[in-house]
Amino acid sequence: MSGKAKRLNESQRLEVISKLSQTNPPSKRSIARQYKVSDATIRKVWAKREVIHKRSDLMSEETKYIKFRAPVGRFQDMEDKLYL
């Protein structure tokens, strides 16, 4: 790959793990092409899947919105709905 390497966000990492956990998962190479990352990136995500799941489970809701790169203001909108 040329240029700056692309990184997966936390949500994408969880999607990759989900896809590879299926009964008949797609190849790591095809997933890498879909996300425009290297095969090695997908292999690393799969190798660290337990750590990624634990990290995701322990995150606060605010941190999840930041890490999952939710649209700006989305956390505030949800927080406002909680207090109506």
N, C-alpha and C. Protein backbone atom coordinates (compact mmCIF):
# COMPACT_ATOMS: atom_id res chain seq x y z
N MET A 1 0.84 -1.17 0.00
CA MET A 1 0.00 0.00 0.00
C MET A 1 0.89 1.24 0.00
N SER A 2 0.52 2.22 -0.77
CA SER A 2 1.30 3.44 -0.82
C SER A 2 0.61 4.53 -0.01
N GLY A 3 1.39 5.52 0.40
CA GLY A 3 0.82 6.62 1.16
C GLY A 3 0.70 6.29 2.63
N LYS A 4 -0.06 7.08 3.31
CA LYS A 4 -0.25 6.90 4.75
C LYS A 4 -1.11 5.66 5.02
N ALA A 5 -0.66 4.86 5.96
CA ALA A 5 -1.39 3.64 6.30
C ALA A 5 -2.72 3.98 6.96
N LYS A 6 -3.74 3.24 6.59
CA LYS A 6 -5.07 3.44 7.18
C LYS A 6 -5.17 2.62 8.46
N ARG A 7 -5.86 3.15 9.45
CA ARG A 7 -6.06 2.44 10.71
C ARG A 7 -7.54 2.15 10.88
N LEU A 8 -7.81 1.05 11.51
CA LEU A 8 -9.19 0.69 11.82
C LEU A 8 -9.58 1.34 13.14
N ASN A 9 -10.81 1.81 13.23
CA ASN A 9 -11.28 2.30 14.51
C ASN A 9 -11.83 1.12 15.30
N GLU A 10 -12.19 1.36 16.53
CA GLU A 10 -12.62 0.27 17.42
C GLU A 10 -13.86 -0.45 16.88
N SER A 11 -14.78 0.28 16.33
CA SER A 11 -15.98 -0.31 15.77
C SER A 11 -15.63 -1.24 14.60
N GLN A 12 -14.74 -0.80 13.75
CA GLN A 12 -14.32 -1.62 12.62
C GLN A 12 -13.60 -2.88 13.09
N ARG A 13 -12.80 -2.75 14.14
CA ARG A 13 -12.12 -3.94 14.68
C ARG A 13 -13.15 -4.97 15.16
N LEU A 14 -14.18 -4.50 15.83
CA LEU A 14 -15.22 -5.41 16.30
C LEU A 14 -15.97 -6.04 15.13
N GLU A 15 -16.18 -5.28 14.06
CA GLU A 15 -16.83 -5.82 12.86
C GLU A 15 -15.97 -6.93 12.24
N VAL A 16 -14.66 -6.69 12.17
CA VAL A 16 -13.74 -7.68 11.61
C VAL A 16 -13.79 -8.97 12.43
N ILE A 17 -13.76 -8.84 13.74
CA ILE A 17 -13.82 -10.01 14.62
C ILE A 17 -15.13 -10.75 14.40
N SER A 18 -16.21 -10.02 14.29
CA SER A 18 -17.52 -10.63 14.05
C SER A 18 -17.54 -11.41 12.74
N LYS A 19 -16.99 -10.80 11.68
CA LYS A 19 -16.97 -11.47 10.38
C LYS A 19 -16.12 -12.74 10.42
N LEU A 20 -14.99 -12.69 11.12
CA LEU A 20 -14.11 -13.85 11.18
C LEU A 20 -14.64 -14.93 12.13
N SER A 21 -15.61 -14.58 12.96
CA SER A 21 -16.19 -15.54 13.90
C SER A 21 -17.35 -16.32 13.29
N GLN A 22 -17.77 -15.95 12.09
CA GLN A 22 -18.88 -16.64 11.43
C GLN A 22 -18.51 -18.09 11.13
N THR A 23 -19.54 -18.90 10.87
CA THR A 23 -19.32 -20.30 10.54
C THR A 23 -18.45 -20.46 9.31
N ASN A 24 -18.76 -19.75 8.24
CA ASN A 24 -17.95 -19.75 7.02
C ASN A 24 -17.43 -18.34 6.78
N PRO A 25 -16.36 -17.96 7.50
CA PRO A 25 -15.89 -16.57 7.40
C PRO A 25 -15.25 -16.27 6.05
N PRO A 26 -15.33 -15.00 5.65
CA PRO A 26 -14.62 -14.59 4.44
C PRO A 26 -13.11 -14.66 4.73
N SER A 27 -12.31 -14.63 3.69
CA SER A 27 -10.86 -14.68 3.89
C SER A 27 -10.37 -13.37 4.52
N LYS A 28 -9.27 -13.48 5.22
CA LYS A 28 -8.68 -12.29 5.82
C LYS A 28 -8.27 -11.29 4.74
N ARG A 29 -7.84 -11.82 3.61
CA ARG A 29 -7.44 -10.95 2.49
C ARG A 29 -8.63 -10.16 1.96
N SER A 30 -9.79 -10.81 1.83
CA SER A 30 -10.96 -10.09 1.32
C SER A 30 -11.44 -9.04 2.31
N ILE A 31 -11.36 -9.34 3.58
CA ILE A 31 -11.73 -8.35 4.61
C ILE A 31 -10.75 -7.17 4.56
N ALA A 32 -9.47 -7.47 4.40
CA ALA A 32 -8.46 -6.41 4.31
C ALA A 32 -8.76 -5.49 3.13
N ARG A 33 -9.13 -6.06 1.99
CA ARG A 33 -9.47 -5.24 0.83
C ARG A 33 -10.69 -4.38 1.10
N GLN A 34 -11.67 -4.95 1.78
CA GLN A 34 -12.91 -4.23 2.08
C GLN A 34 -12.62 -2.98 2.93
N TYR A 35 -11.72 -3.12 3.90
CA TYR A 35 -11.41 -2.01 4.80
C TYR A 35 -10.19 -1.19 4.34
N LYS A 36 -9.60 -1.61 3.21
CA LYS A 36 -8.43 -0.93 2.64
C LYS A 36 -7.25 -0.88 3.61
N VAL A 37 -7.00 -2.03 4.22
CA VAL A 37 -5.85 -2.20 5.11
C VAL A 37 -5.08 -3.43 4.66
N SER A 38 -3.95 -3.69 5.28
CA SER A 38 -3.15 -4.84 4.90
C SER A 38 -3.70 -6.13 5.53
N ASP A 39 -3.29 -7.26 4.96
CA ASP A 39 -3.66 -8.55 5.52
C ASP A 39 -3.13 -8.66 6.96
N ALA A 40 -1.94 -8.11 7.17
CA ALA A 40 -1.32 -8.17 8.50
C ALA A 40 -2.18 -7.46 9.55
N THR A 41 -2.81 -6.37 9.16
CA THR A 41 -3.69 -5.64 10.08
C THR A 41 -4.83 -6.54 10.53
N ILE A 42 -5.43 -7.26 9.60
CA ILE A 42 -6.55 -8.14 9.93
C ILE A 42 -6.07 -9.29 10.81
N ARG A 43 -4.91 -9.84 10.51
CA ARG A 43 -4.36 -10.92 11.34
C ARG A 43 -4.10 -10.44 12.76
N LYS A 44 -3.59 -9.21 12.90
CA LYS A 44 -3.33 -8.65 14.24
C LYS A 44 -4.63 -8.46 15.02
N VAL A 45 -5.65 -7.96 14.34
CA VAL A 45 -6.96 -7.78 15.00
C VAL A 45 -7.46 -9.13 15.49
N TRP A 46 -7.37 -10.15 14.65
CA TRP A 46 -7.85 -11.48 15.02
C TRP A 46 -7.05 -12.04 16.19
N ALA A 47 -5.75 -11.84 16.17
CA ALA A 47 -4.89 -12.35 17.24
C ALA A 47 -5.18 -11.65 18.58
N LYS A 48 -5.60 -10.40 18.51
CA LYS A 48 -5.87 -9.62 19.73
C LYS A 48 -7.35 -9.51 20.04
N ARG A 49 -8.17 -10.39 19.50
CA ARG A 49 -9.62 -10.27 19.63
C ARG A 49 -10.10 -10.27 21.07
N GLU A 50 -9.49 -11.07 21.94
CA GLU A 50 -9.93 -11.10 23.34
C GLU A 50 -9.65 -9.76 24.02
N VAL A 51 -8.50 -9.19 23.76
CA VAL A 51 -8.14 -7.89 24.34
C VAL A 51 -9.08 -6.81 23.82
N ILE A 52 -9.38 -6.86 22.53
CA ILE A 52 -10.27 -5.86 21.93
C ILE A 52 -11.67 -5.95 22.53
N HIS A 53 -12.18 -7.16 22.72
CA HIS A 53 -13.51 -7.34 23.33
C HIS A 53 -13.51 -6.83 24.78
N LYS A 54 -12.49 -7.17 25.55
CA LYS A 54 -12.42 -6.71 26.94
C LYS A 54 -12.37 -5.18 27.00
N ARG A 55 -11.53 -4.61 26.14
CA ARG A 55 -11.39 -3.15 26.12
C ARG A 55 -12.72 -2.49 25.78
N SER A 56 -13.43 -3.05 24.84
CA SER A 56 -14.72 -2.51 24.44
C SER A 56 -15.75 -2.62 25.57
N ASP A 57 -15.75 -3.75 26.26
CA ASP A 57 -16.70 -3.96 27.36
C ASP A 57 -16.44 -3.02 28.53
N LEU A 58 -15.19 -2.64 28.74
CA LEU A 58 -14.85 -1.81 29.90
C LEU A 58 -14.95 -0.30 29.64
N MET A 59 -15.16 0.10 28.38
CA MET A 59 -15.22 1.52 28.04
C MET A 59 -16.50 2.17 28.56
N SER A 60 -16.36 3.42 28.97
CA SER A 60 -17.55 4.20 29.32
C SER A 60 -18.27 4.54 28.02
N GLU A 61 -19.52 4.93 28.13
CA GLU A 61 -20.29 5.27 26.92
C GLU A 61 -19.67 6.46 26.18
N GLU A 62 -19.18 7.43 26.92
CA GLU A 62 -18.57 8.60 26.28
C GLU A 62 -17.33 8.19 25.51
N THR A 63 -16.51 7.35 26.11
CA THR A 63 -15.29 6.89 25.46
C THR A 63 -15.62 6.06 24.22
N LYS A 64 -16.69 5.26 24.28
CA LYS A 64 -17.09 4.47 23.11
C LYS A 64 -17.40 5.38 21.93
N TYR A 65 -18.10 6.46 22.18
CA TYR A 65 -18.45 7.38 21.09
C TYR A 65 -17.21 8.03 20.51
N ILE A 66 -16.23 8.30 21.35
CA ILE A 66 -14.99 8.89 20.87
C ILE A 66 -14.19 7.84 20.09
N LYS A 67 -14.01 6.67 20.67
CA LYS A 67 -13.22 5.61 20.03
C LYS A 67 -13.88 5.08 18.78
N PHE A 68 -15.20 4.99 18.78
CA PHE A 68 -15.91 4.46 17.63
C PHE A 68 -16.13 5.54 16.58
N ARG A 69 -15.61 6.73 16.87
CA ARG A 69 -15.66 7.86 15.94
C ARG A 69 -17.08 8.17 15.48
N ALA A 70 -17.95 8.25 16.47
CA ALA A 70 -19.34 8.60 16.17
C ALA A 70 -19.39 10.05 15.71
N PRO A 71 -20.39 10.42 14.95
CA PRO A 71 -20.51 11.80 14.48
C PRO A 71 -20.52 12.78 15.65
N VAL A 72 -19.92 13.92 15.43
CA VAL A 72 -19.83 14.95 16.46
C VAL A 72 -21.23 15.31 16.93
N GLY A 73 -21.38 15.44 18.24
CA GLY A 73 -22.66 15.82 18.81
C GLY A 73 -23.57 14.65 19.10
N ARG A 74 -23.25 13.49 18.63
CA ARG A 74 -24.14 12.35 18.83
C ARG A 74 -24.24 11.98 20.31
N PHE A 75 -23.10 12.01 21.03
CA PHE A 75 -23.13 11.68 22.45
C PHE A 75 -24.00 12.68 23.19
N GLN A 76 -23.86 13.95 22.87
CA GLN A 76 -24.66 14.98 23.54
C GLN A 76 -26.14 14.78 23.27
N ASP A 77 -26.49 14.44 22.03
CA ASP A 77 -27.89 14.18 21.69
C ASP A 77 -28.46 13.04 22.53
N MET A 78 -27.68 11.98 22.66
CA MET A 78 -28.15 10.83 23.44
C MET A 78 -28.26 11.19 24.92
N GLU A 79 -27.29 11.96 25.41
CA GLU A 79 -27.32 12.37 26.81
C GLU A 79 -28.54 13.23 27.08
N ASP A 80 -28.87 14.13 26.16
CA ASP A 80 -30.03 15.00 26.31
C ASP A 80 -31.31 14.16 26.38
N LYS A 81 -31.43 13.12 25.59
CA LYS A 81 -32.61 12.27 25.58
C LYS A 81 -32.78 11.54 26.92
N LEU A 82 -31.65 11.22 27.56
CA LEU A 82 -31.72 10.52 28.85
C LEU A 82 -32.34 11.39 29.94
N TYR A 83 -32.17 12.69 29.83
CA TYR A 83 -32.63 13.59 30.89
C TYR A 83 -33.92 14.31 30.57
N LEU A 84 -34.62 13.89 29.52
CA LEU A 84 -35.91 14.51 29.20
C LEU A 84 -37.02 14.00 30.07
